[in-house]
């Protein structure tokens, strides 16, 4: 496993398992349990995913010491306030059966997220959270939060994949010493991401799959990735990316795949996105 060091000195694995949309709780528990057995140490969940209890059960079943795991959860937008963050964090800790979280993120920059950040900063200082960060924050909202609060976010998680590479966002995060983390690293399987000829050619050169090439590309950009899968063979495959390296030429070839549009919400999620867009109009600036 490769690690990065966050701006508060905490070490974070560069590769983990995301379990967004794993709605079958038995499947979620078994997937996380098998992932930990295989060597995954970063597990990413959220209050909104509805599977925190399953993650907690998997952790409880595991023989790996808690100190070796890096568990992330997220505060949902309905709890974006000082009081709401207090309730939301306690709920997540109880669901997970944990005394502390390694990373806790504000899931969306809507509502009173400044109030939420104030409480999370206190929880961080008290040791309930080892690092705090944000999710889906634009450059402007991220910089505003940094400038008007005392604790700097350790992480900003944003959609990042070969079709939406987010170079400018990464440059801004580097400037402000905030770690970039990628959700939808495989663009949720859209645009035939696993059948891109260039990725297959590079993969054949290294004896790897296109998925492994994508993850290696992210890690070499120093971006944390949390690919989601519930299949044991893919869990193994995604983890098997530490024995090869992409050349500068290959990295530049992949860079040419950028279109600025990677993840497409399914039709049944469009109304949800419309709601988020509306809420963003009333978010705290």
Foldseek 3Di string as FASTA:
>chain_A
DDWDAFPVRDIDDQEAAEAAPPQPQVLLLVLLLLLVVLPHQEYEEEPVRVRLLSNLVSVVPHPDDNVSHAYEYEQEPVLQALVSLVVRLVVSCVSNVHQAHAEYEHEAQFDNNVRNVVNVVVCCVVHRYVFYAYEPDDLVRQVVSVVPDDDHHREYEYADELAAHCPVVVVSCVVVRHAYEHDPHQLVCPPVSQPDVLLCVVCVVVVAGSLLVSSLLCVVVVYRYHYYDSDSVVSNRNVPNPPDHDDPVSSVVSNVNYDNDRHDDPPVCVVVVVVSVVRVVRGDD
